PDB file of N, CA and C in Angstrom:
ATOM      1  N   UNK A   1     101.181  89.416  99.022  1.00  0.00           N
ATOM      2  CA  UNK A   1     101.107  90.441  97.993  1.00  0.00           C
ATOM      3  C   UNK A   1     100.997  89.772  96.628  1.00  0.00           C
ATOM      4  N   UNK A   2     100.022  90.221  95.852  1.00  0.00           N
ATOM      5  CA  UNK A   2      99.859  89.698  94.500  1.00  0.00           C
ATOM      6  C   UNK A   2     100.763  90.467  93.545  1.00  0.00           C
ATOM      7  N   UNK A   3     101.260  89.777  92.533  1.00  0.00           N
ATOM      8  CA  UNK A   3     102.028  90.414  91.463  1.00  0.00           C
ATOM      9  C   UNK A   3     101.201  90.273  90.193  1.00  0.00           C
ATOM     10  N   UNK A   4     100.804  91.407  89.627  1.00  0.00           N
ATOM     11  CA  UNK A   4      99.878  91.389  88.498  1.00  0.00           C
ATOM     12  C   UNK A   4     100.408  92.257  87.364  1.00  0.00           C
ATOM     13  N   UNK A   5      99.893  91.996  86.159  1.00  0.00           N
ATOM     14  CA  UNK A   5     100.254  92.823  85.010  1.00  0.00           C
ATOM     15  C   UNK A   5      99.509  94.155  85.028  1.00  0.00           C
ATOM     16  N   UNK A   6      98.231  94.095  85.380  1.00  0.00           N
ATOM     17  CA  UNK A   6      97.420  95.306  85.387  1.00  0.00           C
ATOM     18  C   UNK A   6      96.835  95.504  86.770  1.00  0.00           C
ATOM     19  N   UNK A   7      97.000  96.718  87.313  1.00  0.00           N
ATOM     20  CA  UNK A   7      96.517  97.003  88.664  1.00  0.00           C
ATOM     21  C   UNK A   7      95.210  97.779  88.676  1.00  0.00           C
ATOM     22  N   UNK A   8      94.747  98.180  87.505  1.00  0.00           N
ATOM     23  CA  UNK A   8      93.561  99.016  87.462  1.00  0.00           C
ATOM     24  C   UNK A   8      92.328  98.287  88.002  1.00  0.00           C
ATOM     25  N   UNK A   9      92.184  97.004  87.672  1.00  0.00           N
ATOM     26  CA  UNK A   9      91.034  96.240  88.150  1.00  0.00           C
ATOM     27  C   UNK A   9      91.140  95.976  89.651  1.00  0.00           C
ATOM     28  N   UNK A  10      92.361  95.788  90.146  1.00  0.00           N
ATOM     29  CA  UNK A  10      92.535  95.559  91.582  1.00  0.00           C
ATOM     30  C   UNK A  10      92.241  96.811  92.394  1.00  0.00           C
ATOM     31  N   UNK A  11      92.602  97.954  91.855  1.00  0.00           N
ATOM     32  CA  UNK A  11      92.372  99.213  92.572  1.00  0.00           C
ATOM     33  C   UNK A  11      90.885  99.481  92.732  1.00  0.00           C
ATOM     34  N   UNK A  12      90.081  99.009  91.803  1.00  0.00           N
ATOM     35  CA  UNK A  12      88.643  99.274  91.840  1.00  0.00           C
ATOM     36  C   UNK A  12      87.898  98.376  92.825  1.00  0.00           C
ATOM     37  N   UNK A  13      88.580  97.409  93.428  1.00  0.00           N
ATOM     38  CA  UNK A  13      87.887  96.467  94.304  1.00  0.00           C
ATOM     39  C   UNK A  13      87.502  97.062  95.656  1.00  0.00           C
ATOM     40  N   UNK A  14      88.202  98.117  96.079  1.00  0.00           N
ATOM     41  CA  UNK A  14      87.904  98.706  97.388  1.00  0.00           C
ATOM     42  C   UNK A  14      88.108 100.211  97.283  1.00  0.00           C
ATOM     43  N   UNK A  15      87.298 100.974  98.011  1.00  0.00           N
ATOM     44  CA  UNK A  15      87.359 102.431  97.838  1.00  0.00           C
ATOM     45  C   UNK A  15      88.578 103.051  98.491  1.00  0.00           C
ATOM     46  N   UNK A  16      89.257 102.334  99.387  1.00  0.00           N
ATOM     47  CA  UNK A  16      90.443 102.885 100.044  1.00  0.00           C
ATOM     48  C   UNK A  16      91.749 102.475  99.370  1.00  0.00           C
ATOM     49  N   UNK A  17      91.671 101.766  98.249  1.00  0.00           N
ATOM     50  CA  UNK A  17      92.891 101.371  97.549  1.00  0.00           C
ATOM     51  C   UNK A  17      93.573 102.596  96.944  1.00  0.00           C
ATOM     52  N   UNK A  18      94.894 102.639  97.048  1.00  0.00           N
ATOM     53  CA  UNK A  18      95.673 103.758  96.533  1.00  0.00           C
ATOM     54  C   UNK A  18      96.767 103.208  95.628  1.00  0.00           C
ATOM     55  N   UNK A  19      96.926 103.820  94.464  1.00  0.00           N
ATOM     56  CA  UNK A  19      98.021 103.469  93.552  1.00  0.00           C
ATOM     57  C   UNK A  19      99.239 104.300  93.912  1.00  0.00           C
ATOM     58  N   UNK A  20     100.373 103.651  94.155  1.00  0.00           N
ATOM     59  CA  UNK A  20     101.591 104.325  94.588  1.00  0.00           C
ATOM     60  C   UNK A  20     102.749 103.871  93.719  1.00  0.00           C
ATOM     61  N   UNK A  21     103.615 104.821  93.339  1.00  0.00           N
ATOM     62  CA  UNK A  21     104.842 104.477  92.617  1.00  0.00           C
ATOM     63  C   UNK A  21     106.018 104.595  93.570  1.00  0.00           C
ATOM     64  N   UNK A  22     106.764 103.497  93.741  1.00  0.00           N
ATOM     65  CA  UNK A  22     107.946 103.494  94.598  1.00  0.00           C
ATOM     66  C   UNK A  22     109.064 102.765  93.892  1.00  0.00           C
ATOM     67  N   UNK A  23     110.198 103.455  93.736  1.00  0.00           N
ATOM     68  CA  UNK A  23     111.414 102.846  93.170  1.00  0.00           C
ATOM     69  C   UNK A  23     111.154 102.190  91.821  1.00  0.00           C
ATOM     70  N   UNK A  24     110.336 102.872  90.991  1.00  0.00           N
ATOM     71  CA  UNK A  24     110.072 102.361  89.653  1.00  0.00           C
ATOM     72  C   UNK A  24     109.048 101.261  89.577  1.00  0.00           C
ATOM     73  N   UNK A  25     108.476 100.863  90.694  1.00  0.00           N
ATOM     74  CA  UNK A  25     107.431  99.854  90.688  1.00  0.00           C
ATOM     75  C   UNK A  25     106.118 100.490  91.094  1.00  0.00           C
ATOM     76  N   UNK A  26     105.024  99.889  90.615  1.00  0.00           N
ATOM     77  CA  UNK A  26     103.695 100.409  90.896  1.00  0.00           C
ATOM     78  C   UNK A  26     103.023  99.465  91.890  1.00  0.00           C
ATOM     79  N   UNK A  27     102.481 100.040  92.967  1.00  0.00           N
ATOM     80  CA  UNK A  27     101.854  99.244  94.020  1.00  0.00           C
ATOM     81  C   UNK A  27     100.426  99.690  94.242  1.00  0.00           C
ATOM     82  N   UNK A  28      99.577  98.754  94.675  1.00  0.00           N
ATOM     83  CA  UNK A  28      98.269  99.084  95.230  1.00  0.00           C
ATOM     84  C   UNK A  28      98.357  98.775  96.708  1.00  0.00           C
ATOM     85  N   UNK A  29      98.101  99.783  97.546  1.00  0.00           N
ATOM     86  CA  UNK A  29      98.120  99.581  98.992  1.00  0.00           C
ATOM     87  C   UNK A  29      96.803 100.053  99.577  1.00  0.00           C
ATOM     88  N   UNK A  30      96.488  99.519 100.752  1.00  0.00           N
ATOM     89  CA  UNK A  30      95.243  99.856 101.423  1.00  0.00           C
ATOM     90  C   UNK A  30      95.503  99.847 102.920  1.00  0.00           C
ATOM     91  N   UNK A  31      95.299 100.995 103.563  1.00  0.00           N
ATOM     92  CA  UNK A  31      95.570 101.096 104.997  1.00  0.00           C
ATOM     93  C   UNK A  31      94.438 100.486 105.832  1.00  0.00           C
ATOM     94  N   UNK A  32      93.245 100.383 105.255  1.00  0.00           N
ATOM     95  CA  UNK A  32      92.101  99.897 106.014  1.00  0.00           C
ATOM     96  C   UNK A  32      92.005  98.372 105.910  1.00  0.00           C
ATOM     97  N   UNK A  33      91.893  97.858 104.680  1.00  0.00           N
ATOM     98  CA  UNK A  33      91.871  96.414 104.442  1.00  0.00           C
ATOM     99  C   UNK A  33      93.248  96.011 103.945  1.00  0.00           C
ATOM    100  N   UNK A  34      94.068  95.451 104.812  1.00  0.00           N
ATOM    101  CA  UNK A  34      95.463  95.166 104.477  1.00  0.00           C
ATOM    102  C   UNK A  34      95.628  94.085 103.422  1.00  0.00           C
ATOM    103  N   UNK A  35      94.568  93.308 103.150  1.00  0.00           N
ATOM    104  CA  UNK A  35      94.747  92.211 102.206  1.00  0.00           C
ATOM    105  C   UNK A  35      94.818  92.692 100.755  1.00  0.00           C
ATOM    106  N   UNK A  36      94.393  93.915 100.485  1.00  0.00           N
ATOM    107  CA  UNK A  36      94.460  94.433  99.117  1.00  0.00           C
ATOM    108  C   UNK A  36      95.834  95.028  98.875  1.00  0.00           C
ATOM    109  N   UNK A  37      96.814  94.161  98.651  1.00  0.00           N
ATOM    110  CA  UNK A  37      98.156  94.630  98.344  1.00  0.00           C
ATOM    111  C   UNK A  37      98.584  93.962  97.051  1.00  0.00           C
ATOM    112  N   UNK A  38      99.166  94.755  96.141  1.00  0.00           N
ATOM    113  CA  UNK A  38      99.618  94.189  94.878  1.00  0.00           C
ATOM    114  C   UNK A  38     100.770  95.003  94.336  1.00  0.00           C
ATOM    115  N   UNK A  39     101.551  94.332  93.505  1.00  0.00           N
ATOM    116  CA  UNK A  39     102.677  94.972  92.843  1.00  0.00           C
ATOM    117  C   UNK A  39     102.595  94.650  91.366  1.00  0.00           C
ATOM    118  N   UNK A  40     102.986  95.608  90.528  1.00  0.00           N
ATOM    119  CA  UNK A  40     102.923  95.382  89.085  1.00  0.00           C
ATOM    120  C   UNK A  40     104.222  94.818  88.565  1.00  0.00           C
ATOM    121  N   UNK A  41     104.110  93.846  87.639  1.00  0.00           N
ATOM    122  CA  UNK A  41     105.283  93.270  86.976  1.00  0.00           C
ATOM    123  C   UNK A  41     106.003  92.289  87.831  1.00  0.00           C
TER     124      UNK A  41
END
């Protein structure tokens, strides 16, 4: 999982990427291509 300051560019890399807020953190997850995972901050 990558930790990045900005997730907007990562979300645009694949059409199945979803931005999710969990426990005060922002995540990019992808059920199809599992390698696109990131957390903000």
